[in-house]
């Protein structure tokens, strides 16, 4: 149960970041009719992962629910680790 809650919390943060960038893109015009389908597919995929895991957990299938959440949590964790390493190591990009 603890693993599910941790993964769900982390995935919720990933979803909030994606939603923030979507709304910011709508405001500044970088999300347009050219790429709106990509954004909607990404946001629907995130919603399916979160909603599907809640549905599986509600039916008592905690293992598959955690596995579904880890599909989104693993890339999010890798990117967060990358950003942390960039902040700590301060690499030269030239």
PDB file of N, CA and C in Angstrom:
ATOM      1  N   UNK A   1       0.827  -1.195   0.000  1.00  0.00           N
ATOM      2  CA  UNK A   1       0.000   0.000   0.000  1.00  0.00           C
ATOM      3  C   UNK A   1       0.870   1.257   0.000  1.00  0.00           C
ATOM      4  N   UNK A   2       1.992   1.205   0.720  1.00  0.00           N
ATOM      5  CA  UNK A   2       2.879   2.362   0.784  1.00  0.00           C
ATOM      6  C   UNK A   2       3.519   2.619  -0.579  1.00  0.00           C
ATOM      7  N   UNK A   3       3.920   1.563  -1.279  1.00  0.00           N
ATOM      8  CA  UNK A   3       4.511   1.722  -2.599  1.00  0.00           C
ATOM      9  C   UNK A   3       3.522   2.374  -3.555  1.00  0.00           C
ATOM     10  N   UNK A   4       2.272   1.954  -3.503  1.00  0.00           N
ATOM     11  CA  UNK A   4       1.253   2.544  -4.366  1.00  0.00           C
ATOM     12  C   UNK A   4       1.097   4.028  -4.076  1.00  0.00           C
ATOM     13  N   UNK A   5       1.057   4.398  -2.815  1.00  0.00           N
ATOM     14  CA  UNK A   5       0.870   5.805  -2.458  1.00  0.00           C
ATOM     15  C   UNK A   5       2.060   6.661  -2.877  1.00  0.00           C
ATOM     16  N   UNK A   6       3.265   6.141  -2.709  1.00  0.00           N
ATOM     17  CA  UNK A   6       4.458   6.890  -3.104  1.00  0.00           C
ATOM     18  C   UNK A   6       4.479   7.070  -4.622  1.00  0.00           C
ATOM     19  N   UNK A   7       4.230   5.992  -5.351  1.00  0.00           N
ATOM     20  CA  UNK A   7       4.217   6.078  -6.805  1.00  0.00           C
ATOM     21  C   UNK A   7       3.095   6.990  -7.299  1.00  0.00           C
ATOM     22  N   UNK A   8       1.936   6.908  -6.675  1.00  0.00           N
ATOM     23  CA  UNK A   8       0.822   7.755  -7.085  1.00  0.00           C
ATOM     24  C   UNK A   8       1.132   9.227  -6.810  1.00  0.00           C
ATOM     25  N   UNK A   9       1.742   9.510  -5.674  1.00  0.00           N
ATOM     26  CA  UNK A   9       2.129  10.890  -5.364  1.00  0.00           C
ATOM     27  C   UNK A   9       3.145  11.429  -6.353  1.00  0.00           C
ATOM     28  N   UNK A  10       4.145  10.615  -6.692  1.00  0.00           N
ATOM     29  CA  UNK A  10       5.155  11.047  -7.648  1.00  0.00           C
ATOM     30  C   UNK A  10       4.544  11.233  -9.036  1.00  0.00           C
ATOM     31  N   UNK A  11       3.679  10.317  -9.441  1.00  0.00           N
ATOM     32  CA  UNK A  11       3.017  10.448 -10.745  1.00  0.00           C
ATOM     33  C   UNK A  11       2.099  11.663 -10.783  1.00  0.00           C
ATOM     34  N   UNK A  12       1.500  11.994  -9.667  1.00  0.00           N
ATOM     35  CA  UNK A  12       0.668  13.200  -9.614  1.00  0.00           C
ATOM     36  C   UNK A  12       1.512  14.448  -9.813  1.00  0.00           C
ATOM     37  N   UNK A  13       2.724  14.451  -9.252  1.00  0.00           N
ATOM     38  CA  UNK A  13       3.624  15.578  -9.476  1.00  0.00           C
ATOM     39  C   UNK A  13       4.034  15.671 -10.946  1.00  0.00           C
ATOM     40  N   UNK A  14       4.308  14.525 -11.560  1.00  0.00           N
ATOM     41  CA  UNK A  14       4.641  14.509 -12.988  1.00  0.00           C
ATOM     42  C   UNK A  14       3.471  15.045 -13.801  1.00  0.00           C
ATOM     43  N   UNK A  15       2.269  14.664 -13.440  1.00  0.00           N
ATOM     44  CA  UNK A  15       1.084  15.142 -14.150  1.00  0.00           C
ATOM     45  C   UNK A  15       0.909  16.651 -13.970  1.00  0.00           C
ATOM     46  N   UNK A  16       1.169  17.154 -12.785  1.00  0.00           N
ATOM     47  CA  UNK A  16       1.057  18.596 -12.564  1.00  0.00           C
ATOM     48  C   UNK A  16       2.088  19.370 -13.370  1.00  0.00           C
ATOM     49  N   UNK A  17       3.290  18.847 -13.486  1.00  0.00           N
ATOM     50  CA  UNK A  17       4.322  19.508 -14.288  1.00  0.00           C
ATOM     51  C   UNK A  17       3.908  19.524 -15.753  1.00  0.00           C
ATOM     52  N   UNK A  18       3.415  18.394 -16.259  1.00  0.00           N
ATOM     53  CA  UNK A  18       2.970  18.338 -17.653  1.00  0.00           C
ATOM     54  C   UNK A  18       1.803  19.293 -17.887  1.00  0.00           C
ATOM     55  N   UNK A  19       0.874  19.342 -16.959  1.00  0.00           N
ATOM     56  CA  UNK A  19      -0.263  20.247 -17.084  1.00  0.00           C
ATOM     57  C   UNK A  19       0.175  21.711 -17.027  1.00  0.00           C
ATOM     58  N   UNK A  20       1.158  22.010 -16.185  1.00  0.00           N
ATOM     59  CA  UNK A  20       1.686  23.372 -16.118  1.00  0.00           C
ATOM     60  C   UNK A  20       2.294  23.791 -17.452  1.00  0.00           C
ATOM     61  N   UNK A  21       3.109  22.926 -18.039  1.00  0.00           N
ATOM     62  CA  UNK A  21       3.728  23.270 -19.311  1.00  0.00           C
ATOM     63  C   UNK A  21       2.688  23.379 -20.424  1.00  0.00           C
ATOM     64  N   UNK A  22       1.641  22.586 -20.353  1.00  0.00           N
ATOM     65  CA  UNK A  22       0.562  22.691 -21.337  1.00  0.00           C
ATOM     66  C   UNK A  22      -0.137  24.040 -21.226  1.00  0.00           C
ATOM     67  N   UNK A  23      -0.497  24.431 -20.025  1.00  0.00           N
ATOM     68  CA  UNK A  23      -1.196  25.709 -19.828  1.00  0.00           C
ATOM     69  C   UNK A  23      -0.276  26.873 -20.183  1.00  0.00           C
ATOM     70  N   UNK A  24       1.003  26.799 -19.788  1.00  0.00           N
ATOM     71  CA  UNK A  24       1.944  27.857 -20.135  1.00  0.00           C
ATOM     72  C   UNK A  24       2.117  27.946 -21.651  1.00  0.00           C
ATOM     73  N   UNK A  25       2.114  26.804 -22.320  1.00  0.00           N
ATOM     74  CA  UNK A  25       2.203  26.805 -23.774  1.00  0.00           C
ATOM     75  C   UNK A  25       0.967  27.382 -24.433  1.00  0.00           C
ATOM     76  N   UNK A  26      -0.189  27.142 -23.845  1.00  0.00           N
ATOM     77  CA  UNK A  26      -1.411  27.761 -24.372  1.00  0.00           C
ATOM     78  C   UNK A  26      -1.366  29.277 -24.227  1.00  0.00           C
ATOM     79  N   UNK A  27      -0.811  29.735 -23.111  1.00  0.00           N
ATOM     80  CA  UNK A  27      -0.762  31.178 -22.864  1.00  0.00           C
ATOM     81  C   UNK A  27       0.218  31.863 -23.799  1.00  0.00           C
ATOM     82  N   UNK A  28       1.406  31.289 -23.982  1.00  0.00           N
ATOM     83  CA  UNK A  28       2.407  31.958 -24.814  1.00  0.00           C
ATOM     84  C   UNK A  28       2.324  31.592 -26.291  1.00  0.00           C
ATOM     85  N   UNK A  29       1.447  30.681 -26.648  1.00  0.00           N
ATOM     86  CA  UNK A  29       1.229  30.366 -28.050  1.00  0.00           C
ATOM     87  C   UNK A  29       2.075  29.244 -28.604  1.00  0.00           C
ATOM     88  N   UNK A  30       2.923  28.621 -27.796  1.00  0.00           N
ATOM     89  CA  UNK A  30       3.743  27.522 -28.311  1.00  0.00           C
ATOM     90  C   UNK A  30       2.941  26.230 -28.479  1.00  0.00           C
ATOM     91  N   UNK A  31       1.815  26.116 -27.818  1.00  0.00           N
ATOM     92  CA  UNK A  31       0.886  25.016 -28.067  1.00  0.00           C
ATOM     93  C   UNK A  31      -0.171  25.552 -29.023  1.00  0.00           C
ATOM     94  N   UNK A  32      -0.148  25.042 -30.232  1.00  0.00           N
ATOM     95  CA  UNK A  32      -1.043  25.553 -31.265  1.00  0.00           C
ATOM     96  C   UNK A  32      -1.739  24.382 -31.953  1.00  0.00           C
ATOM     97  N   UNK A  33      -2.411  24.676 -33.009  1.00  0.00           N
ATOM     98  CA  UNK A  33      -3.109  23.619 -33.749  1.00  0.00           C
ATOM     99  C   UNK A  33      -2.124  22.650 -34.396  1.00  0.00           C
ATOM    100  N   UNK A  34      -0.878  23.071 -34.548  1.00  0.00           N
ATOM    101  CA  UNK A  34       0.146  22.206 -35.136  1.00  0.00           C
ATOM    102  C   UNK A  34       0.495  21.036 -34.223  1.00  0.00           C
ATOM    103  N   UNK A  35       0.579  21.290 -32.914  1.00  0.00           N
ATOM    104  CA  UNK A  35       1.017  20.243 -31.991  1.00  0.00           C
ATOM    105  C   UNK A  35       0.023  19.929 -30.876  1.00  0.00           C
ATOM    106  N   UNK A  36      -1.207  20.366 -30.999  1.00  0.00           N
ATOM    107  CA  UNK A  36      -2.182  20.128 -29.939  1.00  0.00           C
ATOM    108  C   UNK A  36      -2.498  18.649 -29.781  1.00  0.00           C
ATOM    109  N   UNK A  37      -2.479  17.894 -30.886  1.00  0.00           N
ATOM    110  CA  UNK A  37      -2.779  16.461 -30.782  1.00  0.00           C
ATOM    111  C   UNK A  37      -1.701  15.719 -30.001  1.00  0.00           C
ATOM    112  N   UNK A  38      -0.447  16.133 -30.144  1.00  0.00           N
ATOM    113  CA  UNK A  38       0.621  15.517 -29.354  1.00  0.00           C
ATOM    114  C   UNK A  38       0.434  15.800 -27.868  1.00  0.00           C
ATOM    115  N   UNK A  39       0.099  17.041 -27.557  1.00  0.00           N
ATOM    116  CA  UNK A  39      -0.138  17.401 -26.165  1.00  0.00           C
ATOM    117  C   UNK A  39      -1.334  16.646 -25.580  1.00  0.00           C
ATOM    118  N   UNK A  40      -2.409  16.579 -26.341  1.00  0.00           N
ATOM    119  CA  UNK A  40      -3.597  15.883 -25.839  1.00  0.00           C
ATOM    120  C   UNK A  40      -3.344  14.393 -25.669  1.00  0.00           C
ATOM    121  N   UNK A  41      -2.576  13.792 -26.570  1.00  0.00           N
ATOM    122  CA  UNK A  41      -2.234  12.376 -26.422  1.00  0.00           C
ATOM    123  C   UNK A  41      -1.394  12.151 -25.175  1.00  0.00           C
ATOM    124  N   UNK A  42      -0.440  13.046 -24.924  1.00  0.00           N
ATOM    125  CA  UNK A  42       0.398  12.909 -23.731  1.00  0.00           C
ATOM    126  C   UNK A  42      -0.429  13.084 -22.460  1.00  0.00           C
ATOM    127  N   UNK A  43      -1.282  14.090 -22.426  1.00  0.00           N
ATOM    128  CA  UNK A  43      -2.101  14.312 -21.240  1.00  0.00           C
ATOM    129  C   UNK A  43      -3.123  13.195 -21.034  1.00  0.00           C
ATOM    130  N   UNK A  44      -3.676  12.658 -22.119  1.00  0.00           N
ATOM    131  CA  UNK A  44      -4.596  11.519 -21.991  1.00  0.00           C
ATOM    132  C   UNK A  44      -3.871  10.280 -21.504  1.00  0.00           C
ATOM    133  N   UNK A  45      -2.655  10.068 -21.967  1.00  0.00           N
ATOM    134  CA  UNK A  45      -1.865   8.932 -21.496  1.00  0.00           C
ATOM    135  C   UNK A  45      -1.580   9.029 -20.005  1.00  0.00           C
ATOM    136  N   UNK A  46      -1.242  10.220 -19.545  1.00  0.00           N
ATOM    137  CA  UNK A  46      -1.011  10.425 -18.116  1.00  0.00           C
ATOM    138  C   UNK A  46      -2.293  10.188 -17.332  1.00  0.00           C
ATOM    139  N   UNK A  47      -3.408  10.674 -17.858  1.00  0.00           N
ATOM    140  CA  UNK A  47      -4.695  10.458 -17.197  1.00  0.00           C
ATOM    141  C   UNK A  47      -5.090   8.996 -17.159  1.00  0.00           C
ATOM    142  N   UNK A  48      -4.787   8.259 -18.230  1.00  0.00           N
ATOM    143  CA  UNK A  48      -5.096   6.824 -18.255  1.00  0.00           C
ATOM    144  C   UNK A  48      -4.261   6.081 -17.230  1.00  0.00           C
ATOM    145  N   UNK A  49      -2.997   6.455 -17.101  1.00  0.00           N
ATOM    146  CA  UNK A  49      -2.142   5.797 -16.105  1.00  0.00           C
ATOM    147  C   UNK A  49      -2.662   6.060 -14.696  1.00  0.00           C
ATOM    148  N   UNK A  50      -2.975   7.314 -14.388  1.00  0.00           N
ATOM    149  CA  UNK A  50      -3.458   7.637 -13.040  1.00  0.00           C
ATOM    150  C   UNK A  50      -4.841   7.041 -12.774  1.00  0.00           C
ATOM    151  N   UNK A  51      -5.745   7.184 -13.734  1.00  0.00           N
ATOM    152  CA  UNK A  51      -7.095   6.639 -13.547  1.00  0.00           C
ATOM    153  C   UNK A  51      -7.119   5.128 -13.527  1.00  0.00           C
ATOM    154  N   UNK A  52      -6.346   4.498 -14.404  1.00  0.00           N
ATOM    155  CA  UNK A  52      -6.287   3.035 -14.429  1.00  0.00           C
ATOM    156  C   UNK A  52      -5.698   2.453 -13.165  1.00  0.00           C
ATOM    157  N   UNK A  53      -4.689   3.130 -12.621  1.00  0.00           N
ATOM    158  CA  UNK A  53      -4.105   2.627 -11.383  1.00  0.00           C
ATOM    159  C   UNK A  53      -5.066   2.782 -10.211  1.00  0.00           C
ATOM    160  N   UNK A  54      -5.834   3.872 -10.198  1.00  0.00           N
ATOM    161  CA  UNK A  54      -6.830   4.020  -9.140  1.00  0.00           C
ATOM    162  C   UNK A  54      -7.915   2.954  -9.259  1.00  0.00           C
ATOM    163  N   UNK A  55      -8.317   2.657 -10.496  1.00  0.00           N
ATOM    164  CA  UNK A  55      -9.319   1.622 -10.722  1.00  0.00           C
ATOM    165  C   UNK A  55      -8.808   0.252 -10.286  1.00  0.00           C
ATOM    166  N   UNK A  56      -7.576  -0.074 -10.667  1.00  0.00           N
ATOM    167  CA  UNK A  56      -6.996  -1.362 -10.264  1.00  0.00           C
ATOM    168  C   UNK A  56      -6.830  -1.451  -8.756  1.00  0.00           C
ATOM    169  N   UNK A  57      -6.393  -0.361  -8.128  1.00  0.00           N
ATOM    170  CA  UNK A  57      -6.227  -0.381  -6.680  1.00  0.00           C
ATOM    171  C   UNK A  57      -7.573  -0.515  -5.979  1.00  0.00           C
ATOM    172  N   UNK A  58      -8.591   0.114  -6.518  1.00  0.00           N
ATOM    173  CA  UNK A  58      -9.927   0.004  -5.930  1.00  0.00           C
ATOM    174  C   UNK A  58     -10.489  -1.408  -6.004  1.00  0.00           C
ATOM    175  N   UNK A  59     -10.083  -2.160  -7.024  1.00  0.00           N
ATOM    176  CA  UNK A  59     -10.539  -3.548  -7.162  1.00  0.00           C
ATOM    177  C   UNK A  59      -9.669  -4.527  -6.382  1.00  0.00           C
ATOM    178  N   UNK A  60      -8.615  -3.997  -5.724  1.00  0.00           N
ATOM    179  CA  UNK A  60      -7.769  -4.854  -4.897  1.00  0.00           C
ATOM    180  C   UNK A  60      -6.542  -5.404  -5.606  1.00  0.00           C
ATOM    181  N   UNK A  61      -6.260  -4.932  -6.810  1.00  0.00           N
ATOM    182  CA  UNK A  61      -5.092  -5.405  -7.558  1.00  0.00           C
ATOM    183  C   UNK A  61      -3.955  -4.402  -7.374  1.00  0.00           C
ATOM    184  N   UNK A  62      -3.298  -4.470  -6.215  1.00  0.00           N
ATOM    185  CA  UNK A  62      -2.272  -3.476  -5.909  1.00  0.00           C
ATOM    186  C   UNK A  62      -0.992  -3.687  -6.709  1.00  0.00           C
ATOM    187  N   UNK A  63      -0.645  -4.902  -7.020  1.00  0.00           N
ATOM    188  CA  UNK A  63       0.548  -5.174  -7.809  1.00  0.00           C
ATOM    189  C   UNK A  63       0.468  -4.605  -9.215  1.00  0.00           C
ATOM    190  N   UNK A  64      -0.579  -4.940  -9.966  1.00  0.00           N
ATOM    191  CA  UNK A  64      -0.704  -4.337 -11.292  1.00  0.00           C
ATOM    192  C   UNK A  64      -0.878  -2.817 -11.256  1.00  0.00           C
ATOM    193  N   UNK A  65      -1.533  -2.309 -10.211  1.00  0.00           N
ATOM    194  CA  UNK A  65      -1.692  -0.856 -10.095  1.00  0.00           C
ATOM    195  C   UNK A  65      -0.337  -0.184  -9.899  1.00  0.00           C
ATOM    196  N   UNK A  66       0.505  -0.763  -9.067  1.00  0.00           N
ATOM    197  CA  UNK A  66       1.845  -0.208  -8.861  1.00  0.00           C
ATOM    198  C   UNK A  66       2.692  -0.351 -10.118  1.00  0.00           C
ATOM    199  N   UNK A  67       2.532  -1.445 -10.845  1.00  0.00           N
ATOM    200  CA  UNK A  67       3.278  -1.631 -12.090  1.00  0.00           C
ATOM    201  C   UNK A  67       2.852  -0.589 -13.121  1.00  0.00           C
ATOM    202  N   UNK A  68       1.562  -0.297 -13.191  1.00  0.00           N
ATOM    203  CA  UNK A  68       1.084   0.714 -14.116  1.00  0.00           C
ATOM    204  C   UNK A  68       1.606   2.091 -13.734  1.00  0.00           C
ATOM    205  N   UNK A  69       1.660   2.384 -12.448  1.00  0.00           N
ATOM    206  CA  UNK A  69       2.185   3.666 -12.008  1.00  0.00           C
ATOM    207  C   UNK A  69       3.674   3.789 -12.283  1.00  0.00           C
ATOM    208  N   UNK A  70       4.385   2.676 -12.211  1.00  0.00           N
ATOM    209  CA  UNK A  70       5.831   2.744 -12.443  1.00  0.00           C
ATOM    210  C   UNK A  70       6.161   3.017 -13.905  1.00  0.00           C
ATOM    211  N   UNK A  71       5.210   2.784 -14.817  1.00  0.00           N
ATOM    212  CA  UNK A  71       5.419   3.119 -16.231  1.00  0.00           C
ATOM    213  C   UNK A  71       5.646   4.626 -16.385  1.00  0.00           C
ATOM    214  N   UNK A  72       4.965   5.427 -15.622  1.00  0.00           N
ATOM    215  CA  UNK A  72       5.130   6.875 -15.666  1.00  0.00           C
ATOM    216  C   UNK A  72       6.187   7.354 -14.670  1.00  0.00           C
ATOM    217  N   UNK A  73       6.345   6.653 -13.560  1.00  0.00           N
ATOM    218  CA  UNK A  73       7.267   7.106 -12.529  1.00  0.00           C
ATOM    219  C   UNK A  73       8.729   6.921 -12.933  1.00  0.00           C
ATOM    220  N   UNK A  74       9.043   5.871 -13.678  1.00  0.00           N
ATOM    221  CA  UNK A  74      10.439   5.616 -14.031  1.00  0.00           C
ATOM    222  C   UNK A  74      11.027   6.724 -14.905  1.00  0.00           C
ATOM    223  N   UNK A  75      10.382   7.136 -16.013  1.00  0.00           N
ATOM    224  CA  UNK A  75      10.955   8.251 -16.779  1.00  0.00           C
ATOM    225  C   UNK A  75      10.968   9.565 -16.001  1.00  0.00           C
ATOM    226  N   UNK A  76       9.950   9.786 -15.181  1.00  0.00           N
ATOM    227  CA  UNK A  76       9.924  10.997 -14.362  1.00  0.00           C
ATOM    228  C   UNK A  76      11.048  11.025 -13.359  1.00  0.00           C
ATOM    229  N   UNK A  77      11.329   9.876 -12.748  1.00  0.00           N
ATOM    230  CA  UNK A  77      12.425   9.792 -11.788  1.00  0.00           C
ATOM    231  C   UNK A  77      13.769   9.974 -12.483  1.00  0.00           C
ATOM    232  N   UNK A  78      13.931   9.391 -13.659  1.00  0.00           N
ATOM    233  CA  UNK A  78      15.186   9.538 -14.402  1.00  0.00           C
ATOM    234  C   UNK A  78      15.420  10.996 -14.786  1.00  0.00           C
ATOM    235  N   UNK A  79      14.384  11.697 -15.219  1.00  0.00           N
ATOM    236  CA  UNK A  79      14.533  13.099 -15.579  1.00  0.00           C
ATOM    237  C   UNK A  79      14.812  13.959 -14.344  1.00  0.00           C
ATOM    238  N   UNK A  80      14.167  13.671 -13.223  1.00  0.00           N
ATOM    239  CA  UNK A  80      14.429  14.418 -11.995  1.00  0.00           C
ATOM    240  C   UNK A  80      15.865  14.183 -11.534  1.00  0.00           C
ATOM    241  N   UNK A  81      16.352  12.963 -11.664  1.00  0.00           N
ATOM    242  CA  UNK A  81      17.736  12.664 -11.315  1.00  0.00           C
ATOM    243  C   UNK A  81      18.702  13.405 -12.238  1.00  0.00           C
ATOM    244  N   UNK A  82      18.381  13.461 -13.533  1.00  0.00           N
ATOM    245  CA  UNK A  82      19.199  14.201 -14.481  1.00  0.00           C
ATOM    246  C   UNK A  82      19.277  15.681 -14.100  1.00  0.00           C
ATOM    247  N   UNK A  83      18.139  16.289 -13.769  1.00  0.00           N
ATOM    248  CA  UNK A  83      18.135  17.695 -13.379  1.00  0.00           C
ATOM    249  C   UNK A  83      18.921  17.924 -12.096  1.00  0.00           C
ATOM    250  N   UNK A  84      18.819  17.013 -11.156  1.00  0.00           N
ATOM    251  CA  UNK A  84      19.572  17.119  -9.921  1.00  0.00           C
ATOM    252  C   UNK A  84      21.066  17.032 -10.187  1.00  0.00           C
ATOM    253  N   UNK A  85      21.473  16.121 -11.064  1.00  0.00           N
ATOM    254  CA  UNK A  85      22.891  16.005 -11.401  1.00  0.00           C
ATOM    255  C   UNK A  85      23.402  17.248 -12.125  1.00  0.00           C
ATOM    256  N   UNK A  86      22.585  17.831 -12.986  1.00  0.00           N
ATOM    257  CA  UNK A  86      22.996  19.059 -13.667  1.00  0.00           C
ATOM    258  C   UNK A  86      23.160  20.195 -12.662  1.00  0.00           C
ATOM    259  N   UNK A  87      22.281  20.267 -11.688  1.00  0.00           N
ATOM    260  CA  UNK A  87      22.407  21.320 -10.668  1.00  0.00           C
ATOM    261  C   UNK A  87      23.620  21.113  -9.779  1.00  0.00           C
ATOM    262  N   UNK A  88      23.921  19.878  -9.444  1.00  0.00           N
ATOM    263  CA  UNK A  88      25.028  19.605  -8.542  1.00  0.00           C
ATOM    264  C   UNK A  88      26.371  19.713  -9.261  1.00  0.00           C
ATOM    265  N   UNK A  89      26.488  19.062 -10.414  1.00  0.00           N
ATOM    266  CA  UNK A  89      27.777  18.979 -11.101  1.00  0.00           C
ATOM    267  C   UNK A  89      28.093  20.214 -11.938  1.00  0.00           C
ATOM    268  N   UNK A  90      27.103  20.959 -12.349  1.00  0.00           N
ATOM    269  CA  UNK A  90      27.249  22.164 -13.172  1.00  0.00           C
ATOM    270  C   UNK A  90      28.188  21.917 -14.346  1.00  0.00           C
ATOM    271  N   UNK A  91      27.771  21.072 -15.284  1.00  0.00           N
ATOM    272  CA  UNK A  91      28.662  20.736 -16.404  1.00  0.00           C
ATOM    273  C   UNK A  91      28.807  21.898 -17.378  1.00  0.00           C
ATOM    274  N   UNK A  92      29.886  21.858 -18.134  1.00  0.00           N
ATOM    275  CA  UNK A  92      30.101  22.833 -19.211  1.00  0.00           C
ATOM    276  C   UNK A  92      29.543  22.220 -20.478  1.00  0.00           C
ATOM    277  N   UNK A  93      28.680  22.928 -21.183  1.00  0.00           N
ATOM    278  CA  UNK A  93      27.984  22.383 -22.336  1.00  0.00           C
ATOM    279  C   UNK A  93      28.653  22.741 -23.652  1.00  0.00           C
ATOM    280  N   UNK A  94      29.805  23.412 -23.613  1.00  0.00           N
ATOM    281  CA  UNK A  94      30.443  23.770 -24.872  1.00  0.00           C
ATOM    282  C   UNK A  94      31.511  22.780 -25.292  1.00  0.00           C
TER     283      UNK A  94
END
